């Protein structure tokens, strides 16, 4: 008879422990709903092939990365991107350029195309939060043109962006990260993709 209350007590503790663990992990994702982009450009027959975004170094993981002080990195234990950030950034980039009226094809799905085509590659060195600068984003982008079976680099640029958080917390960090990414895509559009429309 004495064993029944003990078993019930242990089961109760187990259930309380399991339910509290479910509330500690949080997952975040960029939204392409109400994506603010410049007005659609004139129609073009050019195709933009989009390479998957590459993230180098410590930021290449689902857990949030923060620089807490010089030479110190904190990997979040309870705050994660809902999917790998390379996939999320690639999808948002495709949505952005599609909204501009460009024909965007993932490079992995590219077939043989007879007309000239362009290929965009984005490589990130930093995609992290910073104790002082907010959200930081740095890396390079590369624009290639393919003609007669040859891929030629026609433009490349280094970028470094940071956006201050409008309040404390991970939701504000996600918003600042998305703001940086949209700034980057706006720059690529203004400084490089106008080549497609000539």
N, C-alpha and C. Protein backbone atom coordinates (compact mmCIF):
# COMPACT_ATOMS: atom_id res chain seq x y z
N UNK A 1 0.82 -1.20 0.00
CA UNK A 1 0.00 0.00 0.00
C UNK A 1 0.86 1.25 0.00
N UNK A 2 1.99 1.22 0.70
CA UNK A 2 2.85 2.39 0.80
C UNK A 2 3.52 2.70 -0.54
N UNK A 3 3.63 1.69 -1.40
CA UNK A 3 4.32 1.89 -2.67
C UNK A 3 3.50 2.74 -3.64
N UNK A 4 2.19 2.68 -3.58
CA UNK A 4 1.34 3.42 -4.52
C UNK A 4 1.57 4.92 -4.40
N UNK A 5 1.54 5.55 -3.20
CA UNK A 5 1.82 6.99 -3.13
C UNK A 5 3.23 7.36 -3.63
N UNK A 6 4.19 6.47 -3.37
CA UNK A 6 5.56 6.75 -3.83
C UNK A 6 5.60 6.74 -5.35
N UNK A 7 4.97 5.75 -5.98
CA UNK A 7 4.93 5.67 -7.44
C UNK A 7 4.21 6.88 -8.03
N UNK A 8 3.09 7.26 -7.42
CA UNK A 8 2.35 8.43 -7.91
C UNK A 8 3.19 9.69 -7.80
N UNK A 9 3.92 9.81 -6.70
CA UNK A 9 4.79 10.97 -6.52
C UNK A 9 5.90 11.02 -7.57
N UNK A 10 6.51 9.88 -7.85
CA UNK A 10 7.57 9.83 -8.86
C UNK A 10 7.03 10.15 -10.25
N UNK A 11 5.87 9.64 -10.58
CA UNK A 11 5.24 9.92 -11.89
C UNK A 11 4.92 11.41 -12.01
N UNK A 12 4.41 12.00 -10.92
CA UNK A 12 4.11 13.44 -10.93
C UNK A 12 5.35 14.27 -11.18
N UNK A 13 6.44 13.92 -10.50
CA UNK A 13 7.70 14.64 -10.70
C UNK A 13 8.21 14.49 -12.13
N UNK A 14 8.09 13.30 -12.69
CA UNK A 14 8.51 13.05 -14.06
C UNK A 14 7.70 13.89 -15.04
N UNK A 15 6.38 13.94 -14.85
CA UNK A 15 5.51 14.71 -15.73
C UNK A 15 5.81 16.21 -15.61
N UNK A 16 6.05 16.70 -14.43
CA UNK A 16 6.39 18.12 -14.24
C UNK A 16 7.70 18.43 -14.93
N UNK A 17 8.68 17.55 -14.79
CA UNK A 17 9.97 17.75 -15.44
C UNK A 17 9.86 17.77 -16.95
N UNK A 18 9.08 16.87 -17.52
CA UNK A 18 8.91 16.81 -18.97
C UNK A 18 8.18 18.05 -19.50
N UNK A 19 7.15 18.49 -18.80
CA UNK A 19 6.39 19.64 -19.28
C UNK A 19 7.20 20.93 -19.19
N UNK A 20 8.06 21.07 -18.20
CA UNK A 20 8.85 22.30 -18.10
C UNK A 20 9.92 22.35 -19.18
N UNK A 21 10.45 21.21 -19.64
CA UNK A 21 11.44 21.19 -20.70
C UNK A 21 10.88 21.66 -22.03
N UNK A 22 9.59 21.44 -22.26
CA UNK A 22 8.98 21.83 -23.52
C UNK A 22 8.93 23.34 -23.68
N UNK A 23 8.91 24.09 -22.60
CA UNK A 23 8.78 25.54 -22.67
C UNK A 23 10.12 26.26 -22.71
N UNK A 24 11.23 25.55 -22.62
CA UNK A 24 12.52 26.23 -22.55
C UNK A 24 13.14 26.48 -23.92
N UNK A 25 12.87 25.65 -24.90
CA UNK A 25 13.46 25.81 -26.23
C UNK A 25 12.56 26.67 -27.10
N UNK A 26 13.16 27.65 -27.80
CA UNK A 26 12.41 28.53 -28.69
C UNK A 26 13.05 28.47 -30.07
N UNK A 27 12.18 28.55 -31.10
CA UNK A 27 12.63 28.45 -32.48
C UNK A 27 12.15 29.67 -33.26
N UNK A 28 13.01 30.19 -34.16
CA UNK A 28 12.72 31.43 -34.87
C UNK A 28 12.97 31.24 -36.37
N UNK A 29 12.29 32.07 -37.17
CA UNK A 29 12.44 32.00 -38.63
C UNK A 29 12.14 33.36 -39.21
N UNK A 30 12.83 33.71 -40.30
CA UNK A 30 12.49 34.93 -41.03
C UNK A 30 11.14 34.73 -41.70
N UNK A 31 10.42 35.81 -41.89
CA UNK A 31 9.13 35.76 -42.57
C UNK A 31 9.24 36.48 -43.90
N UNK A 32 8.70 35.88 -44.95
CA UNK A 32 8.67 36.58 -46.23
C UNK A 32 7.28 37.16 -46.50
N UNK A 33 6.40 37.10 -45.49
CA UNK A 33 5.11 37.77 -45.61
C UNK A 33 5.35 39.27 -45.45
N UNK A 34 4.66 40.05 -46.27
CA UNK A 34 4.82 41.50 -46.27
C UNK A 34 6.29 41.89 -46.47
N UNK A 35 6.98 41.17 -47.33
CA UNK A 35 8.38 41.43 -47.62
C UNK A 35 8.49 42.79 -48.30
N UNK A 36 9.23 43.70 -47.68
CA UNK A 36 9.39 45.04 -48.23
C UNK A 36 10.53 45.04 -49.22
N UNK A 37 10.18 45.16 -50.50
CA UNK A 37 11.19 45.22 -51.56
C UNK A 37 10.89 46.42 -52.44
N UNK A 38 11.88 46.87 -53.22
CA UNK A 38 11.61 47.97 -54.15
C UNK A 38 10.52 47.55 -55.13
N UNK A 39 9.96 48.51 -55.83
CA UNK A 39 8.91 48.19 -56.79
C UNK A 39 9.46 47.26 -57.86
N UNK A 40 8.60 46.43 -58.41
CA UNK A 40 9.02 45.43 -59.39
C UNK A 40 9.68 46.10 -60.58
N UNK A 41 10.70 45.45 -61.11
CA UNK A 41 11.43 46.00 -62.23
C UNK A 41 10.76 45.60 -63.54
N UNK A 42 11.22 46.23 -64.63
CA UNK A 42 10.65 45.87 -65.93
C UNK A 42 10.95 44.41 -66.23
N UNK A 43 10.10 43.83 -67.05
CA UNK A 43 10.25 42.42 -67.37
C UNK A 43 11.59 42.15 -68.05
N UNK A 44 12.18 41.03 -67.74
CA UNK A 44 13.46 40.65 -68.34
C UNK A 44 13.41 39.17 -68.68
N UNK A 45 14.15 38.80 -69.73
CA UNK A 45 14.22 37.39 -70.09
C UNK A 45 15.40 36.70 -69.43
N UNK A 46 16.22 37.48 -68.72
CA UNK A 46 17.39 36.90 -68.05
C UNK A 46 16.96 36.03 -66.88
N UNK A 47 17.71 34.97 -66.70
CA UNK A 47 17.49 34.09 -65.55
C UNK A 47 18.55 34.38 -64.50
N UNK A 48 18.16 34.34 -63.24
CA UNK A 48 19.11 34.44 -62.15
C UNK A 48 19.16 33.08 -61.48
N UNK A 49 20.32 32.44 -61.58
CA UNK A 49 20.52 31.20 -60.85
C UNK A 49 21.05 31.56 -59.48
N UNK A 50 20.48 30.97 -58.48
CA UNK A 50 20.84 31.28 -57.10
C UNK A 50 21.52 30.08 -56.46
N UNK A 51 22.78 30.26 -56.10
CA UNK A 51 23.50 29.23 -55.35
C UNK A 51 22.96 29.22 -53.92
N UNK A 52 23.01 28.08 -53.26
CA UNK A 52 22.64 28.05 -51.85
C UNK A 52 23.58 28.96 -51.07
N UNK A 53 23.04 29.71 -50.13
CA UNK A 53 23.85 30.57 -49.27
C UNK A 53 24.80 29.69 -48.47
N UNK A 54 26.05 30.14 -48.34
CA UNK A 54 27.05 29.42 -47.55
C UNK A 54 27.42 30.24 -46.33
N UNK A 55 27.48 29.59 -45.17
CA UNK A 55 27.93 30.23 -43.94
C UNK A 55 29.19 29.51 -43.49
N UNK A 56 30.25 30.27 -43.32
CA UNK A 56 31.53 29.70 -42.88
C UNK A 56 31.69 29.90 -41.38
N UNK A 57 32.38 28.99 -40.73
CA UNK A 57 32.74 29.19 -39.34
C UNK A 57 31.65 28.85 -38.34
N UNK A 58 31.75 29.47 -37.18
CA UNK A 58 30.93 29.11 -36.02
C UNK A 58 29.43 29.37 -36.23
N UNK A 59 29.07 30.30 -37.09
CA UNK A 59 27.65 30.62 -37.30
C UNK A 59 26.92 29.58 -38.13
N UNK A 60 27.64 28.60 -38.65
CA UNK A 60 27.04 27.58 -39.51
C UNK A 60 26.39 26.49 -38.66
N UNK A 61 25.32 26.87 -37.93
CA UNK A 61 24.59 25.93 -37.08
C UNK A 61 23.22 26.51 -36.76
N UNK A 62 22.35 25.68 -36.23
CA UNK A 62 21.00 26.14 -35.93
C UNK A 62 20.90 26.94 -34.65
N UNK A 63 21.79 26.73 -33.71
CA UNK A 63 21.76 27.50 -32.47
C UNK A 63 22.19 28.93 -32.74
N UNK A 64 21.61 29.88 -32.03
CA UNK A 64 22.00 31.28 -32.17
C UNK A 64 23.42 31.48 -31.67
N UNK A 65 24.15 32.32 -32.36
CA UNK A 65 25.53 32.62 -32.01
C UNK A 65 25.61 34.09 -31.61
N UNK A 66 26.30 34.35 -30.50
CA UNK A 66 26.48 35.72 -30.03
C UNK A 66 27.93 35.93 -29.64
N UNK A 67 28.45 37.12 -30.01
CA UNK A 67 29.76 37.54 -29.55
C UNK A 67 29.54 38.34 -28.29
N UNK A 68 29.98 37.81 -27.16
CA UNK A 68 29.70 38.46 -25.88
C UNK A 68 30.77 39.47 -25.49
N UNK A 69 32.00 39.25 -25.89
CA UNK A 69 33.10 40.19 -25.69
C UNK A 69 34.19 39.80 -26.68
N UNK A 70 35.23 40.62 -26.84
CA UNK A 70 36.26 40.27 -27.82
C UNK A 70 36.79 38.85 -27.61
N UNK A 71 36.84 38.11 -28.71
CA UNK A 71 37.38 36.74 -28.73
C UNK A 71 36.55 35.73 -27.94
N UNK A 72 35.30 36.06 -27.62
CA UNK A 72 34.45 35.13 -26.89
C UNK A 72 33.13 34.94 -27.63
N UNK A 73 32.75 33.69 -27.84
CA UNK A 73 31.52 33.35 -28.56
C UNK A 73 30.61 32.57 -27.62
N UNK A 74 29.34 32.93 -27.62
CA UNK A 74 28.34 32.20 -26.84
C UNK A 74 27.40 31.47 -27.81
N UNK A 75 27.24 30.18 -27.63
CA UNK A 75 26.30 29.39 -28.44
C UNK A 75 25.06 29.18 -27.58
N UNK A 76 23.91 29.66 -28.06
CA UNK A 76 22.68 29.56 -27.28
C UNK A 76 22.29 28.11 -27.05
N UNK A 77 21.78 27.85 -25.85
CA UNK A 77 21.33 26.48 -25.52
C UNK A 77 19.84 26.30 -25.72
N UNK A 78 19.09 27.40 -25.74
CA UNK A 78 17.63 27.28 -25.80
C UNK A 78 17.00 28.06 -26.94
N UNK A 79 17.81 28.74 -27.76
CA UNK A 79 17.27 29.57 -28.84
C UNK A 79 17.90 29.12 -30.15
N UNK A 80 17.02 28.70 -31.09
CA UNK A 80 17.47 28.09 -32.33
C UNK A 80 16.71 28.68 -33.52
N UNK A 81 17.37 28.65 -34.68
CA UNK A 81 16.65 28.88 -35.92
C UNK A 81 15.76 27.65 -36.16
N UNK A 82 14.58 27.87 -36.72
CA UNK A 82 13.65 26.76 -36.95
C UNK A 82 14.17 25.79 -38.01
N UNK A 83 15.05 26.26 -38.85
CA UNK A 83 15.72 25.42 -39.84
C UNK A 83 17.15 25.93 -39.96
N UNK A 84 17.97 25.21 -40.65
CA UNK A 84 19.36 25.66 -40.78
C UNK A 84 19.37 27.04 -41.43
N UNK A 85 20.15 28.00 -40.92
CA UNK A 85 20.12 29.35 -41.46
C UNK A 85 20.50 29.44 -42.93
N UNK A 86 21.34 28.55 -43.44
CA UNK A 86 21.65 28.57 -44.87
C UNK A 86 20.39 28.37 -45.70
N UNK A 87 19.54 27.43 -45.29
CA UNK A 87 18.29 27.18 -46.02
C UNK A 87 17.34 28.37 -45.90
N UNK A 88 17.22 28.93 -44.71
CA UNK A 88 16.31 30.05 -44.48
C UNK A 88 16.72 31.26 -45.32
N UNK A 89 18.01 31.58 -45.33
CA UNK A 89 18.50 32.73 -46.09
C UNK A 89 18.35 32.51 -47.59
N UNK A 90 18.58 31.30 -48.06
CA UNK A 90 18.41 30.99 -49.48
C UNK A 90 16.95 31.18 -49.89
N UNK A 91 16.02 30.69 -49.07
CA UNK A 91 14.60 30.81 -49.39
C UNK A 91 14.15 32.27 -49.41
N UNK A 92 14.60 33.07 -48.43
CA UNK A 92 14.21 34.47 -48.40
C UNK A 92 14.79 35.23 -49.59
N UNK A 93 16.01 34.89 -49.99
CA UNK A 93 16.64 35.52 -51.15
C UNK A 93 15.85 35.21 -52.41
N UNK A 94 15.44 33.96 -52.56
CA UNK A 94 14.65 33.57 -53.73
C UNK A 94 13.32 34.32 -53.76
N UNK A 95 12.64 34.42 -52.62
CA UNK A 95 11.37 35.15 -52.55
C UNK A 95 11.56 36.63 -52.89
N UNK A 96 12.63 37.22 -52.37
CA UNK A 96 12.91 38.63 -52.60
C UNK A 96 13.06 38.94 -54.09
N UNK A 97 13.94 38.19 -54.77
CA UNK A 97 14.19 38.46 -56.18
C UNK A 97 13.01 38.07 -57.06
N UNK A 98 12.26 37.05 -56.65
CA UNK A 98 11.04 36.70 -57.38
C UNK A 98 10.03 37.85 -57.30
N UNK A 99 9.93 38.46 -56.10
CA UNK A 99 9.02 39.59 -55.92
C UNK A 99 9.41 40.77 -56.82
N UNK A 100 10.71 40.89 -57.14
CA UNK A 100 11.18 41.94 -58.03
C UNK A 100 10.87 41.65 -59.50
N UNK A 101 10.38 40.46 -59.79
CA UNK A 101 10.04 40.14 -61.17
C UNK A 101 11.10 39.35 -61.90
N UNK A 102 12.15 38.91 -61.19
CA UNK A 102 13.19 38.11 -61.84
C UNK A 102 12.80 36.64 -61.84
N UNK A 103 13.25 35.93 -62.86
CA UNK A 103 13.09 34.48 -62.88
C UNK A 103 14.26 33.88 -62.10
N UNK A 104 13.97 33.36 -60.92
CA UNK A 104 15.01 32.84 -60.03
C UNK A 104 14.92 31.32 -60.01
N UNK A 105 16.07 30.67 -60.27
CA UNK A 105 16.12 29.22 -60.31
C UNK A 105 17.21 28.76 -59.35
N UNK A 106 16.88 27.89 -58.40
CA UNK A 106 17.95 27.35 -57.54
C UNK A 106 19.01 26.66 -58.40
N UNK A 107 20.26 26.95 -58.12
CA UNK A 107 21.35 26.39 -58.94
C UNK A 107 21.31 24.87 -58.96
N UNK A 108 20.90 24.27 -57.86
CA UNK A 108 20.84 22.81 -57.79
C UNK A 108 19.83 22.24 -58.78
N UNK A 109 18.87 23.06 -59.21
CA UNK A 109 17.84 22.59 -60.14
C UNK A 109 18.07 23.09 -61.56
N UNK A 110 19.21 23.72 -61.79
CA UNK A 110 19.48 24.33 -63.09
C UNK A 110 19.70 23.26 -64.15
N UNK A 111 19.13 23.51 -65.31
CA UNK A 111 19.37 22.64 -66.46
C UNK A 111 20.15 23.42 -67.51
N UNK A 112 20.22 22.90 -68.70
CA UNK A 112 20.90 23.61 -69.79
C UNK A 112 19.99 24.69 -70.32
N UNK A 113 20.51 25.92 -70.37
CA UNK A 113 19.76 27.06 -70.88
C UNK A 113 20.57 27.67 -72.01
N UNK A 114 19.94 27.91 -73.14
CA UNK A 114 20.68 28.42 -74.29
C UNK A 114 21.00 29.90 -74.16
N UNK A 115 20.09 30.68 -73.57
CA UNK A 115 20.34 32.12 -73.47
C UNK A 115 21.30 32.41 -72.32
N UNK A 116 21.92 33.61 -72.34
CA UNK A 116 22.84 33.97 -71.25
C UNK A 116 22.14 33.93 -69.90
N UNK A 117 22.86 33.53 -68.89
CA UNK A 117 22.29 33.51 -67.56
C UNK A 117 23.27 34.05 -66.56
N UNK A 118 22.75 34.43 -65.41
CA UNK A 118 23.55 34.97 -64.33
C UNK A 118 23.40 34.09 -63.11
N UNK A 119 24.44 34.03 -62.32
CA UNK A 119 24.43 33.20 -61.12
C UNK A 119 24.95 34.03 -59.94
N UNK A 120 24.22 33.98 -58.83
CA UNK A 120 24.57 34.74 -57.64
C UNK A 120 24.95 33.78 -56.52
N UNK A 121 26.08 34.07 -55.87
CA UNK A 121 26.51 33.28 -54.72
C UNK A 121 26.79 34.22 -53.56
N UNK A 122 26.27 33.87 -52.37
CA UNK A 122 26.50 34.65 -51.15
C UNK A 122 27.23 33.77 -50.15
N UNK A 123 28.35 34.27 -49.64
CA UNK A 123 29.15 33.54 -48.66
C UNK A 123 29.28 34.42 -47.42
N UNK A 124 28.86 33.90 -46.27
CA UNK A 124 28.89 34.66 -45.02
C UNK A 124 30.03 34.22 -44.13
N UNK A 125 30.71 35.20 -43.55
CA UNK A 125 31.73 34.93 -42.54
C UNK A 125 31.17 35.11 -41.14
N UNK A 126 30.22 36.06 -41.01
CA UNK A 126 29.60 36.32 -39.71
C UNK A 126 28.09 36.45 -39.88
N UNK A 127 27.38 35.78 -39.01
CA UNK A 127 25.92 35.87 -38.93
C UNK A 127 25.60 35.64 -37.46
N UNK A 128 25.72 36.71 -36.66
CA UNK A 128 25.68 36.53 -35.21
C UNK A 128 25.16 37.78 -34.53
N UNK A 129 24.82 37.63 -33.27
CA UNK A 129 24.52 38.77 -32.43
C UNK A 129 25.80 39.28 -31.80
N UNK A 130 25.80 40.56 -31.43
CA UNK A 130 26.98 41.16 -30.83
C UNK A 130 26.55 42.00 -29.64
N UNK A 131 27.30 41.93 -28.56
CA UNK A 131 26.92 42.61 -27.32
C UNK A 131 26.80 44.11 -27.50
N UNK A 132 27.50 44.67 -28.49
CA UNK A 132 27.50 46.12 -28.67
C UNK A 132 26.88 46.55 -30.00
N UNK A 133 27.12 45.79 -31.06
CA UNK A 133 26.69 46.19 -32.40
C UNK A 133 25.31 45.67 -32.79
N UNK A 134 24.71 44.81 -32.00
CA UNK A 134 23.42 44.23 -32.36
C UNK A 134 23.61 43.02 -33.26
N UNK A 135 22.88 42.97 -34.36
CA UNK A 135 23.02 41.88 -35.32
C UNK A 135 24.11 42.25 -36.31
N UNK A 136 25.03 41.32 -36.55
CA UNK A 136 26.09 41.59 -37.51
C UNK A 136 26.06 40.56 -38.63
N UNK A 137 26.40 41.03 -39.82
CA UNK A 137 26.39 40.20 -41.03
C UNK A 137 27.57 40.64 -41.88
N UNK A 138 28.44 39.70 -42.23
CA UNK A 138 29.55 40.05 -43.11
C UNK A 138 29.87 38.88 -44.02
N UNK A 139 30.48 39.20 -45.15
CA UNK A 139 30.85 38.18 -46.11
C UNK A 139 31.11 38.79 -47.47
N UNK A 140 30.91 37.99 -48.51
CA UNK A 140 31.10 38.43 -49.89
C UNK A 140 29.95 37.92 -50.75
N UNK A 141 29.63 38.67 -51.79
CA UNK A 141 28.73 38.14 -52.82
C UNK A 141 29.44 38.16 -54.16
N UNK A 142 29.04 37.22 -55.01
CA UNK A 142 29.69 37.01 -56.31
C UNK A 142 28.60 36.89 -57.38
N UNK A 143 28.77 37.63 -58.46
CA UNK A 143 27.84 37.54 -59.58
C UNK A 143 28.59 37.02 -60.79
N UNK A 144 28.10 35.93 -61.36
CA UNK A 144 28.73 35.28 -62.51
C UNK A 144 27.80 35.40 -63.72
N UNK A 145 28.40 35.38 -64.91
CA UNK A 145 27.62 35.30 -66.15
C UNK A 145 28.10 34.09 -66.92
N UNK A 146 27.14 33.31 -67.41
CA UNK A 146 27.49 32.13 -68.19
C UNK A 146 27.12 32.36 -69.65
N UNK A 147 28.10 32.21 -70.49
CA UNK A 147 27.88 32.32 -71.93
C UNK A 147 28.69 31.24 -72.62
N UNK A 148 28.06 30.55 -73.55
CA UNK A 148 28.73 29.50 -74.32
C UNK A 148 29.43 28.49 -73.42
N UNK A 149 28.75 28.13 -72.36
CA UNK A 149 29.25 27.08 -71.46
C UNK A 149 30.31 27.52 -70.47
N UNK A 150 30.70 28.80 -70.46
CA UNK A 150 31.72 29.27 -69.53
C UNK A 150 31.10 30.18 -68.48
N UNK A 151 31.53 30.01 -67.25
CA UNK A 151 31.06 30.83 -66.13
C UNK A 151 32.13 31.85 -65.79
N UNK A 152 31.81 33.14 -65.92
CA UNK A 152 32.79 34.20 -65.68
C UNK A 152 32.32 35.09 -64.54
N UNK A 153 33.24 35.38 -63.63
CA UNK A 153 32.94 36.30 -62.53
C UNK A 153 32.92 37.72 -63.10
N UNK A 154 31.77 38.41 -62.94
CA UNK A 154 31.67 39.76 -63.47
C UNK A 154 31.62 40.82 -62.38
N UNK A 155 31.28 40.42 -61.15
CA UNK A 155 31.28 41.40 -60.07
C UNK A 155 31.33 40.67 -58.73
N UNK A 156 32.04 41.26 -57.78
CA UNK A 156 32.08 40.74 -56.42
C UNK A 156 32.21 41.91 -55.46
N UNK A 157 31.71 41.71 -54.27
CA UNK A 157 31.79 42.79 -53.29
C UNK A 157 31.82 42.22 -51.88
N UNK A 158 32.62 42.83 -51.04
CA UNK A 158 32.66 42.50 -49.61
C UNK A 158 31.61 43.34 -48.91
N UNK A 159 30.95 42.80 -47.91
CA UNK A 159 29.96 43.57 -47.16
C UNK A 159 30.11 43.32 -45.67
N UNK A 160 29.78 44.34 -44.90
CA UNK A 160 29.68 44.25 -43.45
C UNK A 160 28.52 45.13 -43.03
N UNK A 161 27.53 44.53 -42.40
CA UNK A 161 26.34 45.25 -41.95
C UNK A 161 26.10 44.96 -40.48
N UNK A 162 25.57 45.95 -39.77
CA UNK A 162 25.10 45.68 -38.42
C UNK A 162 23.88 46.55 -38.15
N UNK A 163 22.94 46.01 -37.41
CA UNK A 163 21.71 46.71 -37.03
C UNK A 163 21.53 46.60 -35.53
N UNK A 164 21.32 47.74 -34.90
CA UNK A 164 21.06 47.75 -33.47
C UNK A 164 19.70 47.11 -33.18
N UNK A 165 19.58 46.49 -32.03
CA UNK A 165 18.30 45.92 -31.62
C UNK A 165 17.40 47.04 -31.11
N UNK A 166 16.10 46.97 -31.46
CA UNK A 166 15.18 48.01 -31.00
C UNK A 166 14.70 47.74 -29.57
N UNK A 167 14.99 46.54 -29.05
CA UNK A 167 14.72 46.20 -27.64
C UNK A 167 15.53 44.96 -27.31
N UNK A 168 15.51 44.55 -26.06
CA UNK A 168 16.25 43.36 -25.66
C UNK A 168 15.51 42.10 -26.10
N UNK A 169 16.24 41.02 -26.26
CA UNK A 169 15.62 39.73 -26.50
C UNK A 169 15.93 39.16 -27.88
N UNK A 170 15.65 37.86 -28.00
CA UNK A 170 15.96 37.15 -29.23
C UNK A 170 15.03 37.52 -30.38
N UNK A 171 13.78 37.87 -30.10
CA UNK A 171 12.89 38.29 -31.18
C UNK A 171 13.41 39.56 -31.84
N UNK A 172 13.93 40.48 -31.03
CA UNK A 172 14.52 41.71 -31.59
C UNK A 172 15.78 41.37 -32.39
N UNK A 173 16.55 40.38 -31.95
CA UNK A 173 17.74 39.97 -32.69
C UNK A 173 17.35 39.38 -34.04
N UNK A 174 16.31 38.59 -34.08
CA UNK A 174 15.83 38.01 -35.35
C UNK A 174 15.41 39.13 -36.30
N UNK A 175 14.66 40.12 -35.81
CA UNK A 175 14.24 41.24 -36.65
C UNK A 175 15.44 42.01 -37.19
N UNK A 176 16.45 42.21 -36.35
CA UNK A 176 17.65 42.93 -36.80
C UNK A 176 18.42 42.12 -37.83
N UNK A 177 18.49 40.80 -37.66
CA UNK A 177 19.13 39.94 -38.66
C UNK A 177 18.40 40.04 -40.00
N UNK A 178 17.07 39.99 -39.96
CA UNK A 178 16.31 40.06 -41.21
C UNK A 178 16.49 41.44 -41.86
N UNK A 179 16.55 42.48 -41.06
CA UNK A 179 16.78 43.83 -41.58
C UNK A 179 18.13 43.90 -42.31
N UNK A 180 19.17 43.30 -41.72
CA UNK A 180 20.47 43.26 -42.38
C UNK A 180 20.40 42.53 -43.72
N UNK A 181 19.69 41.39 -43.73
CA UNK A 181 19.63 40.58 -44.95
C UNK A 181 18.92 41.35 -46.07
N UNK A 182 17.83 42.04 -45.73
CA UNK A 182 17.11 42.83 -46.73
C UNK A 182 17.99 43.98 -47.23
N UNK A 183 18.74 44.62 -46.34
CA UNK A 183 19.68 45.67 -46.77
C UNK A 183 20.68 45.12 -47.77
N UNK A 184 21.20 43.93 -47.49
CA UNK A 184 22.17 43.31 -48.39
C UNK A 184 21.54 43.03 -49.76
N UNK A 185 20.35 42.47 -49.77
CA UNK A 185 19.69 42.16 -51.04
C UNK A 185 19.36 43.43 -51.81
N UNK A 186 18.97 44.50 -51.11
CA UNK A 186 18.74 45.79 -51.78
C UNK A 186 20.01 46.28 -52.45
N UNK A 187 21.14 46.16 -51.76
CA UNK A 187 22.42 46.60 -52.33
C UNK A 187 22.78 45.79 -53.57
N UNK A 188 22.63 44.47 -53.48
CA UNK A 188 22.94 43.62 -54.64
C UNK A 188 22.04 43.99 -55.81
N UNK A 189 20.78 44.23 -55.54
CA UNK A 189 19.84 44.61 -56.58
C UNK A 189 20.26 45.92 -57.24
N UNK A 190 20.58 46.92 -56.43
CA UNK A 190 20.91 48.24 -56.97
C UNK A 190 22.26 48.26 -57.67
N UNK A 191 23.26 47.57 -57.12
CA UNK A 191 24.61 47.69 -57.63
C UNK A 191 25.01 46.63 -58.65
N UNK A 192 24.26 45.54 -58.73
CA UNK A 192 24.68 44.46 -59.62
C UNK A 192 23.58 43.97 -60.56
N UNK A 193 22.40 43.75 -60.04
CA UNK A 193 21.40 43.09 -60.87
C UNK A 193 20.80 44.01 -61.93
N UNK A 194 21.08 45.30 -61.86
CA UNK A 194 20.66 46.19 -62.94
C UNK A 194 21.34 45.77 -64.24
N UNK A 195 22.46 45.06 -64.13
CA UNK A 195 23.15 44.51 -65.32
C UNK A 195 22.21 43.60 -66.10
N UNK A 196 21.37 42.88 -65.37
CA UNK A 196 20.44 41.95 -66.03
C UNK A 196 19.44 42.67 -66.90
N UNK A 197 19.17 43.91 -66.59
CA UNK A 197 18.08 44.61 -67.26
C UNK A 197 18.56 45.48 -68.42
N UNK A 198 19.85 45.48 -68.70
CA UNK A 198 20.38 46.29 -69.82
C UNK A 198 20.03 45.65 -71.14
